[in-house]
PDB file of N, CA and C in Angstrom:
ATOM      1  N   MET A   1      58.720  22.758 -61.799  1.00  0.00           N
ATOM      2  CA  MET A   1      57.731  23.875 -60.803  1.00  0.00           C
ATOM      3  C   MET A   1      56.356  24.363 -61.193  1.00  0.00           C
ATOM      4  N   ILE A   2      55.664  23.755 -60.656  1.00  0.00           N
ATOM      5  CA  ILE A   2      54.247  24.172 -60.477  1.00  0.00           C
ATOM      6  C   ILE A   2      54.096  25.737 -61.090  1.00  0.00           C
ATOM      7  N   ASP A   3      53.422  25.587 -62.037  1.00  0.00           N
ATOM      8  CA  ASP A   3      52.674  27.269 -62.502  1.00  0.00           C
ATOM      9  C   ASP A   3      51.285  26.763 -62.322  1.00  0.00           C
ATOM     10  N   PHE A   4      51.092  27.825 -61.205  1.00  0.00           N
ATOM     11  CA  PHE A   4      49.619  28.328 -60.132  1.00  0.00           C
ATOM     12  C   PHE A   4      49.134  28.888 -61.299  1.00  0.00           C
ATOM     13  N   SER A   5      49.345  30.208 -62.375  1.00  0.00           N
ATOM     14  CA  SER A   5      48.736  30.259 -62.990  1.00  0.00           C
ATOM     15  C   SER A   5      47.521  29.368 -63.844  1.00  0.00           C
ATOM     16  N   GLN A   6      47.704  28.181 -63.622  1.00  0.00           N
ATOM     17  CA  GLN A   6      46.976  26.847 -64.620  1.00  0.00           C
ATOM     18  C   GLN A   6      45.659  27.048 -63.459  1.00  0.00           C
ATOM     19  N   LEU A   7      46.059  27.519 -62.414  1.00  0.00           N
ATOM     20  CA  LEU A   7      44.530  27.268 -61.395  1.00  0.00           C
ATOM     21  C   LEU A   7      43.582  28.412 -61.964  1.00  0.00           C
ATOM     22  N   ASP A   8      42.458  27.280 -62.384  1.00  0.00           N
ATOM     23  CA  ASP A   8      41.328  28.093 -62.904  1.00  0.00           C
ATOM     24  C   ASP A   8      40.759  29.518 -62.100  1.00  0.00           C
ATOM     25  N   ARG A   9      40.776  30.323 -62.388  1.00  0.00           N
ATOM     26  CA  ARG A   9      40.235  31.495 -61.574  1.00  0.00           C
ATOM     27  C   ARG A   9      38.790  31.707 -61.483  1.00  0.00           C
ATOM     28  N   THR A  10      37.996  30.776 -62.314  1.00  0.00           N
ATOM     29  CA  THR A  10      36.386  30.433 -62.330  1.00  0.00           C
ATOM     30  C   THR A  10      36.041  29.746 -61.431  1.00  0.00           C
ATOM     31  N   ILE A  11      37.062  28.632 -61.822  1.00  0.00           N
ATOM     32  CA  ILE A  11      36.566  27.192 -60.815  1.00  0.00           C
ATOM     33  C   ILE A  11      36.909  27.872 -59.198  1.00  0.00           C
ATOM     34  N   HIS A  12      38.081  28.292 -59.200  1.00  0.00           N
ATOM     35  CA  HIS A  12      38.987  28.261 -57.881  1.00  0.00           C
ATOM     36  C   HIS A  12      38.119  28.989 -56.869  1.00  0.00           C
ATOM     37  N   GLU A  13      36.931  29.878 -56.787  1.00  0.00           N
ATOM     38  CA  GLU A  13      36.603  30.704 -56.329  1.00  0.00           C
ATOM     39  C   GLU A  13      35.632  29.407 -55.288  1.00  0.00           C
ATOM     40  N   LYS A  14      35.111  29.427 -53.910  1.00  0.00           N
ATOM     41  CA  LYS A  14      34.982  28.372 -53.084  1.00  0.00           C
ATOM     42  C   LYS A  14      33.811  28.099 -53.807  1.00  0.00           C
ATOM     43  N   GLY A  15      32.631  28.823 -53.903  1.00  0.00           N
ATOM     44  CA  GLY A  15      31.099  28.499 -54.133  1.00  0.00           C
ATOM     45  C   GLY A  15      31.310  27.636 -55.478  1.00  0.00           C
ATOM     46  N   ARG A  16      32.172  28.243 -56.429  1.00  0.00           N
ATOM     47  CA  ARG A  16      31.865  28.000 -57.632  1.00  0.00           C
ATOM     48  C   ARG A  16      32.554  26.329 -57.627  1.00  0.00           C
ATOM     49  N   LEU A  17      33.773  26.151 -56.589  1.00  0.00           N
ATOM     50  CA  LEU A  17      34.259  24.610 -56.765  1.00  0.00           C
ATOM     51  C   LEU A  17      33.543  24.068 -56.095  1.00  0.00           C
ATOM     52  N   SER A  18      32.681  24.249 -55.167  1.00  0.00           N
ATOM     53  CA  SER A  18      31.421  23.337 -54.406  1.00  0.00           C
ATOM     54  C   SER A  18      30.852  23.204 -55.586  1.00  0.00           C
ATOM     55  N   ILE A  19      30.696  23.864 -56.729  1.00  0.00           N
ATOM     56  CA  ILE A  19      29.029  23.493 -57.410  1.00  0.00           C
ATOM     57  C   ILE A  19      30.136  22.579 -58.310  1.00  0.00           C
ATOM     58  N   MET A  20      31.274  23.004 -59.076  1.00  0.00           N
ATOM     59  CA  MET A  20      31.674  22.431 -60.036  1.00  0.00           C
ATOM     60  C   MET A  20      31.744  20.307 -59.707  1.00  0.00           C
ATOM     61  N   THR A  21      32.428  20.432 -58.185  1.00  0.00           N
ATOM     62  CA  THR A  21      32.011  19.235 -57.584  1.00  0.00           C
ATOM     63  C   THR A  21      31.223  18.530 -57.779  1.00  0.00           C
ATOM     64  N   LEU A  22      30.413  19.143 -57.232  1.00  0.00           N
ATOM     65  CA  LEU A  22      29.063  18.607 -57.164  1.00  0.00           C
ATOM     66  C   LEU A  22      28.590  18.087 -58.275  1.00  0.00           C
ATOM     67  N   LEU A  23      28.206  18.824 -59.055  1.00  0.00           N
ATOM     68  CA  LEU A  23      27.734  18.363 -60.736  1.00  0.00           C
ATOM     69  C   LEU A  23      29.068  17.278 -61.410  1.00  0.00           C
ATOM     70  N   ALA A  24      30.247  17.340 -61.067  1.00  0.00           N
ATOM     71  CA  ALA A  24      31.011  16.391 -61.283  1.00  0.00           C
ATOM     72  C   ALA A  24      30.946  14.895 -60.789  1.00  0.00           C
ATOM     73  N   SER A  25      30.311  15.008 -59.520  1.00  0.00           N
ATOM     74  CA  SER A  25      30.058  13.558 -58.723  1.00  0.00           C
ATOM     75  C   SER A  25      28.910  12.603 -59.112  1.00  0.00           C
ATOM     76  N   ARG A  26      28.269  13.193 -60.440  1.00  0.00           N
ATOM     77  CA  ARG A  26      27.368  12.174 -60.609  1.00  0.00           C
ATOM     78  C   ARG A  26      26.838  12.361 -62.090  1.00  0.00           C
ATOM     79  N   ALA A  27      26.239  11.473 -62.904  1.00  0.00           N
ATOM     80  CA  ALA A  27      25.787  11.795 -64.414  1.00  0.00           C
ATOM     81  C   ALA A  27      24.354  12.555 -63.984  1.00  0.00           C
ATOM     82  N   ASP A  28      24.016  12.477 -63.375  1.00  0.00           N
ATOM     83  CA  ASP A  28      22.468  13.404 -64.200  1.00  0.00           C
ATOM     84  C   ASP A  28      22.696  14.556 -63.380  1.00  0.00           C
ATOM     85  N   ALA A  29      21.715  15.201 -63.864  1.00  0.00           N
ATOM     86  CA  ALA A  29      21.441  17.089 -63.666  1.00  0.00           C
ATOM     87  C   ALA A  29      21.347  16.533 -62.403  1.00  0.00           C
ATOM     88  N   TRP A  30      21.594  17.826 -61.667  1.00  0.00           N
ATOM     89  CA  TRP A  30      21.476  18.558 -60.236  1.00  0.00           C
ATOM     90  C   TRP A  30      20.259  19.944 -60.658  1.00  0.00           C
ATOM     91  N   ALA A  31      19.292  19.662 -60.057  1.00  0.00           N
ATOM     92  CA  ALA A  31      18.198  20.884 -59.912  1.00  0.00           C
ATOM     93  C   ALA A  31      18.540  21.777 -58.814  1.00  0.00           C
ATOM     94  N   PHE A  32      18.100  23.449 -59.320  1.00  0.00           N
ATOM     95  CA  PHE A  32      18.743  24.114 -58.483  1.00  0.00           C
ATOM     96  C   PHE A  32      18.410  24.351 -56.988  1.00  0.00           C
ATOM     97  N   GLN A  33      17.467  23.619 -56.600  1.00  0.00           N
ATOM     98  CA  GLN A  33      16.990  23.538 -55.152  1.00  0.00           C
ATOM     99  C   GLN A  33      17.769  22.392 -54.154  1.00  0.00           C
ATOM    100  N   ASP A  34      18.515  21.705 -55.358  1.00  0.00           N
ATOM    101  CA  ASP A  34      19.425  20.492 -54.398  1.00  0.00           C
ATOM    102  C   ASP A  34      20.630  20.941 -54.103  1.00  0.00           C
ATOM    103  N   LEU A  35      21.093  22.007 -55.513  1.00  0.00           N
ATOM    104  CA  LEU A  35      22.042  22.438 -55.246  1.00  0.00           C
ATOM    105  C   LEU A  35      22.046  23.405 -53.805  1.00  0.00           C
ATOM    106  N   LYS A  36      20.961  24.391 -53.777  1.00  0.00           N
ATOM    107  CA  LYS A  36      21.146  25.038 -52.635  1.00  0.00           C
ATOM    108  C   LYS A  36      21.086  24.743 -51.354  1.00  0.00           C
ATOM    109  N   ALA A  37      20.532  23.463 -51.548  1.00  0.00           N
ATOM    110  CA  ALA A  37      20.106  22.824 -50.226  1.00  0.00           C
ATOM    111  C   ALA A  37      21.717  22.113 -49.764  1.00  0.00           C
ATOM    112  N   GLN A  38      22.445  21.286 -50.838  1.00  0.00           N
ATOM    113  CA  GLN A  38      23.510  20.859 -50.343  1.00  0.00           C
ATOM    114  C   GLN A  38      24.184  21.949 -49.885  1.00  0.00           C
ATOM    115  N   LEU A  39      24.525  22.973 -50.407  1.00  0.00           N
ATOM    116  CA  LEU A  39      25.525  23.620 -50.202  1.00  0.00           C
ATOM    117  C   LEU A  39      25.208  25.049 -49.334  1.00  0.00           C
ATOM    118  N   ASP A  40      23.936  24.887 -49.282  1.00  0.00           N
ATOM    119  CA  ASP A  40      23.757  25.984 -47.951  1.00  0.00           C
ATOM    120  C   ASP A  40      23.822  26.827 -48.017  1.00  0.00           C
ATOM    121  N   MET A  41      23.653  28.055 -49.691  1.00  0.00           N
ATOM    122  CA  MET A  41      23.334  29.119 -50.588  1.00  0.00           C
ATOM    123  C   MET A  41      22.080  29.798 -50.342  1.00  0.00           C
ATOM    124  N   SER A  42      22.495  31.119 -50.326  1.00  0.00           N
ATOM    125  CA  SER A  42      21.085  32.373 -51.007  1.00  0.00           C
ATOM    126  C   SER A  42      20.507  31.859 -52.099  1.00  0.00           C
ATOM    127  N   ASP A  43      19.508  32.075 -52.184  1.00  0.00           N
ATOM    128  CA  ASP A  43      19.521  32.103 -53.860  1.00  0.00           C
ATOM    129  C   ASP A  43      20.300  32.694 -54.801  1.00  0.00           C
ATOM    130  N   GLY A  44      20.272  33.654 -54.385  1.00  0.00           N
ATOM    131  CA  GLY A  44      20.741  35.165 -55.019  1.00  0.00           C
ATOM    132  C   GLY A  44      22.562  34.928 -54.800  1.00  0.00           C
ATOM    133  N   ASN A  45      23.156  33.941 -54.354  1.00  0.00           N
ATOM    134  CA  ASN A  45      24.342  33.582 -53.727  1.00  0.00           C
ATOM    135  C   ASN A  45      24.721  32.294 -55.704  1.00  0.00           C
ATOM    136  N   LEU A  46      23.667  31.385 -55.156  1.00  0.00           N
ATOM    137  CA  LEU A  46      24.001  30.191 -55.681  1.00  0.00           C
ATOM    138  C   LEU A  46      23.612  30.788 -57.389  1.00  0.00           C
ATOM    139  N   ILE A  47      22.373  31.966 -57.582  1.00  0.00           N
ATOM    140  CA  ILE A  47      22.285  32.571 -58.932  1.00  0.00           C
ATOM    141  C   ILE A  47      23.915  33.070 -59.685  1.00  0.00           C
ATOM    142  N   THR A  48      24.250  33.474 -59.015  1.00  0.00           N
ATOM    143  CA  THR A  48      25.497  34.363 -59.467  1.00  0.00           C
ATOM    144  C   THR A  48      26.243  33.690 -59.989  1.00  0.00           C
ATOM    145  N   HIS A  49      26.826  32.596 -59.446  1.00  0.00           N
ATOM    146  CA  HIS A  49      27.625  31.345 -59.259  1.00  0.00           C
ATOM    147  C   HIS A  49      27.711  30.892 -60.398  1.00  0.00           C
ATOM    148  N   LEU A  50      25.740  30.215 -60.407  1.00  0.00           N
ATOM    149  CA  LEU A  50      25.569  29.544 -61.874  1.00  0.00           C
ATOM    150  C   LEU A  50      25.732  30.436 -62.955  1.00  0.00           C
ATOM    151  N   ARG A  51      25.462  31.433 -62.824  1.00  0.00           N
ATOM    152  CA  ARG A  51      25.561  32.308 -64.213  1.00  0.00           C
ATOM    153  C   ARG A  51      27.106  32.631 -64.858  1.00  0.00           C
ATOM    154  N   THR A  52      28.047  32.626 -63.553  1.00  0.00           N
ATOM    155  CA  THR A  52      29.522  32.885 -63.836  1.00  0.00           C
ATOM    156  C   THR A  52      30.312  31.640 -64.381  1.00  0.00           C
ATOM    157  N   LEU A  53      29.507  30.447 -64.343  1.00  0.00           N
ATOM    158  CA  LEU A  53      29.715  29.362 -64.851  1.00  0.00           C
ATOM    159  C   LEU A  53      29.455  28.946 -66.039  1.00  0.00           C
ATOM    160  N   GLU A  54      28.520  29.450 -66.258  1.00  0.00           N
ATOM    161  CA  GLU A  54      27.146  29.275 -67.678  1.00  0.00           C
ATOM    162  C   GLU A  54      28.024  30.293 -69.065  1.00  0.00           C
ATOM    163  N   LYS A  55      28.264  31.473 -68.245  1.00  0.00           N
ATOM    164  CA  LYS A  55      28.975  32.163 -69.047  1.00  0.00           C
ATOM    165  C   LYS A  55      30.335  31.347 -69.527  1.00  0.00           C
ATOM    166  N   ALA A  56      30.689  30.878 -68.815  1.00  0.00           N
ATOM    167  CA  ALA A  56      32.213  30.095 -69.102  1.00  0.00           C
ATOM    168  C   ALA A  56      32.280  28.923 -69.532  1.00  0.00           C
ATOM    169  N   GLU A  57      30.735  28.774 -69.847  1.00  0.00           N
ATOM    170  CA  GLU A  57      30.819  27.408 -70.940  1.00  0.00           C
ATOM    171  C   GLU A  57      30.709  26.235 -70.187  1.00  0.00           C
ATOM    172  N   PHE A  58      31.020  26.494 -68.634  1.00  0.00           N
ATOM    173  CA  PHE A  58      31.622  25.181 -67.949  1.00  0.00           C
ATOM    174  C   PHE A  58      30.096  24.120 -67.733  1.00  0.00           C
ATOM    175  N   ILE A  59      28.999  25.058 -67.503  1.00  0.00           N
ATOM    176  CA  ILE A  59      27.748  24.149 -66.584  1.00  0.00           C
ATOM    177  C   ILE A  59      26.695  24.763 -68.257  1.00  0.00           C
ATOM    178  N   SER A  60      25.684  23.472 -68.105  1.00  0.00           N
ATOM    179  CA  SER A  60      24.425  24.398 -68.985  1.00  0.00           C
ATOM    180  C   SER A  60      23.107  24.183 -67.540  1.00  0.00           C
ATOM    181  N   GLY A  61      22.336  25.249 -68.199  1.00  0.00           N
ATOM    182  CA  GLY A  61      20.999  25.031 -67.408  1.00  0.00           C
ATOM    183  C   GLY A  61      20.200  24.348 -68.391  1.00  0.00           C
ATOM    184  N   GLU A  62      18.857  23.764 -67.964  1.00  0.00           N
ATOM    185  CA  GLU A  62      17.900  23.826 -68.744  1.00  0.00           C
ATOM    186  C   GLU A  62      16.572  23.375 -67.857  1.00  0.00           C
ATOM    187  N   LYS A  63      15.499  24.681 -68.382  1.00  0.00           N
ATOM    188  CA  LYS A  63      14.451  25.115 -67.561  1.00  0.00           C
ATOM    189  C   LYS A  63      13.445  24.044 -67.835  1.00  0.00           C
ATOM    190  N   LEU A  64      12.867  23.378 -66.872  1.00  0.00           N
ATOM    191  CA  LEU A  64      11.763  22.496 -67.206  1.00  0.00           C
ATOM    192  C   LEU A  64      10.184  23.330 -66.456  1.00  0.00           C
ATOM    193  N   THR A  65       9.426  23.247 -67.594  1.00  0.00           N
ATOM    194  CA  THR A  65       8.362  23.279 -66.917  1.00  0.00           C
ATOM    195  C   THR A  65       7.121  22.569 -67.337  1.00  0.00           C
ATOM    196  N   GLY A  66       5.905  22.396 -66.406  1.00  0.00           N
ATOM    197  CA  GLY A  66       5.216  21.600 -66.790  1.00  0.00           C
ATOM    198  C   GLY A  66       4.556  21.006 -65.459  1.00  0.00           C
ATOM    199  N   ASP A  67       3.996  20.101 -64.759  1.00  0.00           N
ATOM    200  CA  ASP A  67       3.104  19.851 -63.982  1.00  0.00           C
ATOM    201  C   ASP A  67       3.833  20.309 -62.411  1.00  0.00           C
ATOM    202  N   GLY A  68       3.446  21.277 -61.646  1.00  0.00           N
ATOM    203  CA  GLY A  68       3.691  22.160 -60.415  1.00  0.00           C
ATOM    204  C   GLY A  68       5.023  22.663 -61.089  1.00  0.00           C
ATOM    205  N   ARG A  69       5.962  23.519 -59.972  1.00  0.00           N
ATOM    206  CA  ARG A  69       6.688  24.531 -60.499  1.00  0.00           C
ATOM    207  C   ARG A  69       7.616  24.214 -61.471  1.00  0.00           C
ATOM    208  N   PRO A  70       8.384  25.365 -61.945  1.00  0.00           N
ATOM    209  CA  PRO A  70       9.208  25.393 -62.920  1.00  0.00           C
ATOM    210  C   PRO A  70      10.565  24.961 -62.039  1.00  0.00           C
ATOM    211  N   GLN A  71      11.589  24.321 -62.061  1.00  0.00           N
ATOM    212  CA  GLN A  71      12.709  23.965 -62.177  1.00  0.00           C
ATOM    213  C   GLN A  71      14.000  24.229 -63.001  1.00  0.00           C
ATOM    214  N   THR A  72      15.069  24.499 -62.585  1.00  0.00           N
ATOM    215  CA  THR A  72      16.233  24.737 -63.522  1.00  0.00           C
ATOM    216  C   THR A  72      17.027  23.082 -63.114  1.00  0.00           C
ATOM    217  N   LEU A  73      17.883  22.323 -64.120  1.00  0.00           N
ATOM    218  CA  LEU A  73      18.874  21.042 -63.803  1.00  0.00           C
ATOM    219  C   LEU A  73      19.903  21.807 -64.644  1.00  0.00           C
ATOM    220  N   TYR A  74      21.100  21.747 -63.730  1.00  0.00           N
ATOM    221  CA  TYR A  74      22.225  21.899 -64.304  1.00  0.00           C
ATOM    222  C   TYR A  74      23.057  20.965 -64.409  1.00  0.00           C
ATOM    223  N   THR A  75      23.802  20.677 -65.437  1.00  0.00           N
ATOM    224  CA  THR A  75      24.997  19.577 -65.385  1.00  0.00           C
ATOM    225  C   THR A  75      26.355  20.451 -66.313  1.00  0.00           C
ATOM    226  N   LEU A  76      26.966  19.685 -66.422  1.00  0.00           N
ATOM    227  CA  LEU A  76      28.213  20.058 -66.915  1.00  0.00           C
ATOM    228  C   LEU A  76      28.775  19.879 -67.830  1.00  0.00           C
ATOM    229  N   THR A  77      29.229  20.478 -68.729  1.00  0.00           N
ATOM    230  CA  THR A  77      29.221  20.624 -70.667  1.00  0.00           C
ATOM    231  C   THR A  77      30.477  19.774 -70.578  1.00  0.00           C
ATOM    232  N   PRO A  78      30.731  18.939 -71.611  1.00  0.00           N
ATOM    233  CA  PRO A  78      32.266  18.610 -72.125  1.00  0.00           C
ATOM    234  C   PRO A  78      33.508  19.390 -71.663  1.00  0.00           C
ATOM    235  N   SER A  79      32.915  21.044 -72.108  1.00  0.00           N
ATOM    236  CA  SER A  79      34.126  21.447 -71.891  1.00  0.00           C
ATOM    237  C   SER A  79      34.625  22.237 -70.124  1.00  0.00           C
ATOM    238  N   GLY A  80      33.541  22.016 -69.589  1.00  0.00           N
ATOM    239  CA  GLY A  80      33.529  22.578 -68.085  1.00  0.00           C
ATOM    240  C   GLY A  80      34.432  20.921 -67.450  1.00  0.00           C
ATOM    241  N   ARG A  81      33.840  19.608 -68.127  1.00  0.00           N
ATOM    242  CA  ARG A  81      34.528  18.326 -67.289  1.00  0.00           C
ATOM    243  C   ARG A  81      35.824  18.791 -67.511  1.00  0.00           C
ATOM    244  N   THR A  82      36.580  18.614 -68.770  1.00  0.00           N
ATOM    245  CA  THR A  82      37.847  19.040 -69.367  1.00  0.00           C
ATOM    246  C   THR A  82      38.358  20.303 -68.555  1.00  0.00           C
ATOM    247  N   ALA A  83      37.561  21.383 -68.208  1.00  0.00           N
ATOM    248  CA  ALA A  83      38.129  22.210 -67.413  1.00  0.00           C
ATOM    249  C   ALA A  83      38.141  21.560 -65.748  1.00  0.00           C
ATOM    250  N   PHE A  84      37.746  21.347 -64.983  1.00  0.00           N
ATOM    251  CA  PHE A  84      37.667  20.312 -63.934  1.00  0.00           C
ATOM    252  C   PHE A  84      38.681  19.358 -63.774  1.00  0.00           C
ATOM    253  N   VAL A  85      38.811  18.556 -64.478  1.00  0.00           N
ATOM    254  CA  VAL A  85      39.716  17.893 -65.092  1.00  0.00           C
ATOM    255  C   VAL A  85      41.284  18.597 -64.494  1.00  0.00           C
ATOM    256  N   ALA A  86      41.555  19.535 -65.349  1.00  0.00           N
ATOM    257  CA  ALA A  86      42.696  20.364 -64.947  1.00  0.00           C
ATOM    258  C   ALA A  86      43.186  20.954 -64.156  1.00  0.00           C
ATOM    259  N   TYR A  87      42.136  21.276 -63.526  1.00  0.00           N
ATOM    260  CA  TYR A  87      41.950  21.774 -61.978  1.00  0.00           C
ATOM    261  C   TYR A  87      42.832  20.741 -61.371  1.00  0.00           C
ATOM    262  N   LEU A  88      41.948  20.123 -60.981  1.00  0.00           N
ATOM    263  CA  LEU A  88      41.980  19.200 -60.138  1.00  0.00           C
ATOM    264  C   LEU A  88      43.623  18.385 -60.437  1.00  0.00           C
ATOM    265  N   GLY A  89      43.933  18.225 -61.635  1.00  0.00           N
ATOM    266  CA  GLY A  89      45.842  18.114 -62.052  1.00  0.00           C
ATOM    267  C   GLY A  89      46.446  18.918 -61.576  1.00  0.00           C
ATOM    268  N   VAL A  90      46.365  20.662 -60.922  1.00  0.00           N
ATOM    269  CA  VAL A  90      47.177  21.699 -60.862  1.00  0.00           C
ATOM    270  C   VAL A  90      47.107  21.243 -59.576  1.00  0.00           C
ATOM    271  N   LEU A  91      45.857  20.869 -59.001  1.00  0.00           N
ATOM    272  CA  LEU A  91      46.259  20.584 -57.605  1.00  0.00           C
ATOM    273  C   LEU A  91      46.691  19.280 -56.606  1.00  0.00           C
ATOM    274  N   GLU A  92      46.388  18.814 -57.730  1.00  0.00           N
ATOM    275  CA  GLU A  92      47.128  17.062 -57.508  1.00  0.00           C
ATOM    276  C   GLU A  92      48.689  17.592 -57.188  1.00  0.00           C
ATOM    277  N   GLN A  93      48.892  18.352 -58.391  1.00  0.00           N
ATOM    278  CA  GLN A  93      50.681  18.710 -58.361  1.00  0.00           C
ATOM    279  C   GLN A  93      51.212  19.424 -56.498  1.00  0.00           C
ATOM    280  N   ILE A  94      50.256  20.682 -56.714  1.00  0.00           N
ATOM    281  CA  ILE A  94      50.257  21.161 -55.072  1.00  0.00           C
ATOM    282  C   ILE A  94      50.521  20.357 -54.351  1.00  0.00           C
ATOM    283  N   LEU A  95      49.172  19.309 -54.126  1.00  0.00           N
ATOM    284  CA  LEU A  95      49.289  18.507 -53.448  1.00  0.00           C
ATOM    285  C   LEU A  95      50.991  17.819 -52.763  1.00  0.00           C
ATOM    286  N   GLY A  96      51.108  17.209 -54.138  1.00  0.00           N
ATOM    287  CA  GLY A  96      52.244  16.510 -54.074  1.00  0.00           C
ATOM    288  C   GLY A  96      53.378  17.968 -53.763  1.00  0.00           C
ATOM    289  N   LEU A  97      53.654  18.656 -53.597  1.00  0.00           N
ATOM    290  CA  LEU A  97      55.194  19.710 -53.762  1.00  0.00           C
ATOM    291  C   LEU A  97      54.945  19.776 -51.744  1.00  0.00           C
ATOM    292  N   GLY A  98      53.360  19.712 -51.689  1.00  0.00           N
ATOM    293  CA  GLY A  98      53.531  19.944 -50.071  1.00  0.00           C
ATOM    294  C   GLY A  98      53.845  19.499 -49.248  1.00  0.00           C
ATOM    295  N   LYS A  99      53.274  17.777 -49.777  1.00  0.00           N
ATOM    296  CA  LYS A  99      53.715  16.309 -49.076  1.00  0.00           C
ATOM    297  C   LYS A  99      55.254  16.145 -48.424  1.00  0.00           C
TER     298      LYS A  99
END
């Protein structure tokens, strides 16, 4: 039987799942503005989700300053990638049961 408690609540929320999926989809970092545009989230909503994921150490943000506007780039951490893969594994089990 599937242990539904293995679904990581930090990742499971729709906004954070979307962020984790985008960050896992490519090797390079995502800029805050790119995440915002792709996910169609407000600044405040996106920042709240990013902070939650950073607190869980699933993502890391790097603030770049220099020419023009400062920007923050986000990437999955190794522990974030591990947690995301485990999360997907539980979802696959659930999907298998539902078929």
